[in-house]
Amino acid sequence: MTEKLRILITGFGPFPGAPFNPTMPLVKRLTQLRRPAFADVELIGHIFHVTYATVDRELPELIARMADRPPLPEVRRILKENKVAIEKKAGNP
């Protein structure tokens, strides 16, 4: 039996100056999807608090959980453009 594909979906809590970050409910919704195409997929969601210390502490733990899995895109909210984007590679827009 082959191992289930595991997908990590991450988002962030509210950024300073923004009372709400839509990635929070989006991550929750995406990890609750039940579709035939995802029958053999484990969806794991994680919301980071918006601090370097939190990401520095939690990201290595998440990477360890996802050992031997390729990195996946991050859902980001781009404030100045008022849209949500899917990153192909982590970085600041």
C-alpha atoms as a PDB file:
ATOM      1  CA  MET A   1       0.000   0.000   0.000  1.00  0.00           C
ATOM      2  CA  THR A   2       1.367   3.404  -0.893  1.00  0.00           C
ATOM      3  CA  GLU A   3       1.600   6.151   1.660  1.00  0.00           C
ATOM      4  CA  LYS A   4      -1.049   8.872   1.534  1.00  0.00           C
ATOM      5  CA  LEU A   5      -0.017  12.142  -0.059  1.00  0.00           C
ATOM      6  CA  ARG A   6       0.223  14.751   2.687  1.00  0.00           C
ATOM      7  CA  ILE A   7      -0.424  18.422   1.900  1.00  0.00           C
ATOM      8  CA  LEU A   8       0.387  21.161   4.398  1.00  0.00           C
ATOM      9  CA  ILE A   9      -1.759  24.287   4.008  1.00  0.00           C
ATOM     10  CA  THR A  10      -0.528  27.286   5.991  1.00  0.00           C
ATOM     11  CA  GLY A  11      -1.791  30.767   6.663  1.00  0.00           C
ATOM     12  CA  PHE A  12      -1.245  33.600   9.109  1.00  0.00           C
ATOM     13  CA  GLY A  13      -3.271  35.338  11.763  1.00  0.00           C
ATOM     14  CA  PRO A  14      -4.033  39.039  11.360  1.00  0.00           C
ATOM     15  CA  PHE A  15      -1.125  41.276  10.420  1.00  0.00           C
ATOM     16  CA  PRO A  16      -0.600  44.581  12.249  1.00  0.00           C
ATOM     17  CA  GLY A  17      -3.100  47.088  10.906  1.00  0.00           C
ATOM     18  CA  ALA A  18      -5.374  44.369   9.508  1.00  0.00           C
ATOM     19  CA  PRO A  19      -8.032  43.132  11.938  1.00  0.00           C
ATOM     20  CA  PHE A  20      -8.711  39.982   9.910  1.00  0.00           C
ATOM     21  CA  ASN A  21      -6.711  37.678   7.685  1.00  0.00           C
ATOM     22  CA  PRO A  22      -8.797  35.629   5.241  1.00  0.00           C
ATOM     23  CA  THR A  23      -6.198  32.864   5.169  1.00  0.00           C
ATOM     24  CA  MET A  24      -7.414  31.718   8.604  1.00  0.00           C
ATOM     25  CA  PRO A  25     -10.898  30.541   7.509  1.00  0.00           C
ATOM     26  CA  LEU A  26      -9.543  29.594   4.083  1.00  0.00           C
ATOM     27  CA  VAL A  27      -7.040  27.150   5.576  1.00  0.00           C
ATOM     28  CA  LYS A  28      -9.788  25.675   7.757  1.00  0.00           C
ATOM     29  CA  ARG A  29     -12.134  25.316   4.791  1.00  0.00           C
ATOM     30  CA  LEU A  30      -9.491  23.792   2.526  1.00  0.00           C
ATOM     31  CA  THR A  31      -8.528  21.187   5.130  1.00  0.00           C
ATOM     32  CA  GLN A  32     -12.178  20.193   5.546  1.00  0.00           C
ATOM     33  CA  LEU A  33     -12.787  19.608   1.833  1.00  0.00           C
ATOM     34  CA  ARG A  34     -14.158  16.184   1.087  1.00  0.00           C
ATOM     35  CA  ARG A  35     -13.873  15.503  -2.605  1.00  0.00           C
ATOM     36  CA  PRO A  36     -13.212  12.243  -4.466  1.00  0.00           C
ATOM     37  CA  ALA A  37      -9.957  13.691  -5.814  1.00  0.00           C
ATOM     38  CA  PHE A  38      -8.731  14.106  -2.214  1.00  0.00           C
ATOM     39  CA  ALA A  39      -9.766  10.644  -0.998  1.00  0.00           C
ATOM     40  CA  ASP A  40      -6.136   9.515  -0.690  1.00  0.00           C
ATOM     41  CA  VAL A  41      -4.785  12.872   0.498  1.00  0.00           C
ATOM     42  CA  GLU A  42      -4.149  13.986   4.068  1.00  0.00           C
ATOM     43  CA  LEU A  43      -4.736  17.739   4.340  1.00  0.00           C
ATOM     44  CA  ILE A  44      -2.967  19.397   7.279  1.00  0.00           C
ATOM     45  CA  GLY A  45      -3.673  23.020   8.174  1.00  0.00           C
ATOM     46  CA  HIS A  46      -1.623  25.384  10.307  1.00  0.00           C
ATOM     47  CA  ILE A  47      -2.046  29.056  11.165  1.00  0.00           C
ATOM     48  CA  PHE A  48       1.064  30.982  12.202  1.00  0.00           C
ATOM     49  CA  HIS A  49       0.842  33.930  14.552  1.00  0.00           C
ATOM     50  CA  VAL A  50       2.500  36.863  12.829  1.00  0.00           C
ATOM     51  CA  THR A  51       5.877  36.924  14.556  1.00  0.00           C
ATOM     52  CA  TYR A  52       9.284  35.740  13.411  1.00  0.00           C
ATOM     53  CA  ALA A  53       9.710  33.889  16.728  1.00  0.00           C
ATOM     54  CA  THR A  54       6.535  31.872  16.157  1.00  0.00           C
ATOM     55  CA  VAL A  55       7.480  30.922  12.616  1.00  0.00           C
ATOM     56  CA  ASP A  56      11.056  30.128  13.690  1.00  0.00           C
ATOM     57  CA  ARG A  57       9.715  27.841  16.421  1.00  0.00           C
ATOM     58  CA  GLU A  58       6.810  26.174  14.592  1.00  0.00           C
ATOM     59  CA  LEU A  59       8.111  25.823  11.044  1.00  0.00           C
ATOM     60  CA  PRO A  60      10.835  23.271  11.902  1.00  0.00           C
ATOM     61  CA  GLU A  61       8.197  21.191  13.721  1.00  0.00           C
ATOM     62  CA  LEU A  62       5.937  21.286  10.678  1.00  0.00           C
ATOM     63  CA  ILE A  63       8.798  20.404   8.351  1.00  0.00           C
ATOM     64  CA  ALA A  64       9.636  17.427  10.568  1.00  0.00           C
ATOM     65  CA  ARG A  65       6.013  16.265  10.337  1.00  0.00           C
ATOM     66  CA  MET A  66       6.223  16.554   6.581  1.00  0.00           C
ATOM     67  CA  ALA A  67       9.568  14.732   6.314  1.00  0.00           C
ATOM     68  CA  ASP A  68      10.353  13.454   2.840  1.00  0.00           C
ATOM     69  CA  ARG A  69       7.614  15.609   1.321  1.00  0.00           C
ATOM     70  CA  PRO A  70       8.245  18.473  -1.095  1.00  0.00           C
ATOM     71  CA  PRO A  71       7.443  22.029   0.049  1.00  0.00           C
ATOM     72  CA  LEU A  72       4.084  23.323  -1.112  1.00  0.00           C
ATOM     73  CA  PRO A  73       2.641  26.741  -1.914  1.00  0.00           C
ATOM     74  CA  GLU A  74       1.485  29.162   0.740  1.00  0.00           C
ATOM     75  CA  VAL A  75      -1.780  31.043   0.601  1.00  0.00           C
ATOM     76  CA  ARG A  76      -1.121  34.744   1.213  1.00  0.00           C
ATOM     77  CA  ARG A  77      -3.182  37.828   1.468  1.00  0.00           C
ATOM     78  CA  ILE A  78      -1.669  40.731  -0.399  1.00  0.00           C
ATOM     79  CA  LEU A  79      -2.973  43.752   1.482  1.00  0.00           C
ATOM     80  CA  LYS A  80      -2.165  46.538  -0.947  1.00  0.00           C
ATOM     81  CA  GLU A  81      -3.751  44.622  -3.821  1.00  0.00           C
ATOM     82  CA  ASN A  82      -6.683  43.336  -1.715  1.00  0.00           C
ATOM     83  CA  LYS A  83      -6.473  39.811  -3.073  1.00  0.00           C
ATOM     84  CA  VAL A  84      -5.435  36.316  -2.076  1.00  0.00           C
ATOM     85  CA  ALA A  85      -2.556  34.646  -3.921  1.00  0.00           C
ATOM     86  CA  ILE A  86      -1.079  31.154  -4.034  1.00  0.00           C
ATOM     87  CA  GLU A  87       2.696  31.215  -3.809  1.00  0.00           C
ATOM     88  CA  LYS A  88       4.763  28.820  -5.881  1.00  0.00           C
ATOM     89  CA  LYS A  89       7.817  29.682  -3.828  1.00  0.00           C
ATOM     90  CA  ALA A  90       7.941  31.293  -0.383  1.00  0.00           C
ATOM     91  CA  GLY A  91       8.926  34.945  -0.357  1.00  0.00           C
ATOM     92  CA  ASN A  92       7.636  38.443   0.093  1.00  0.00           C
ATOM     93  CA  PRO A  93       5.461  39.747  -2.762  1.00  0.00           C
END
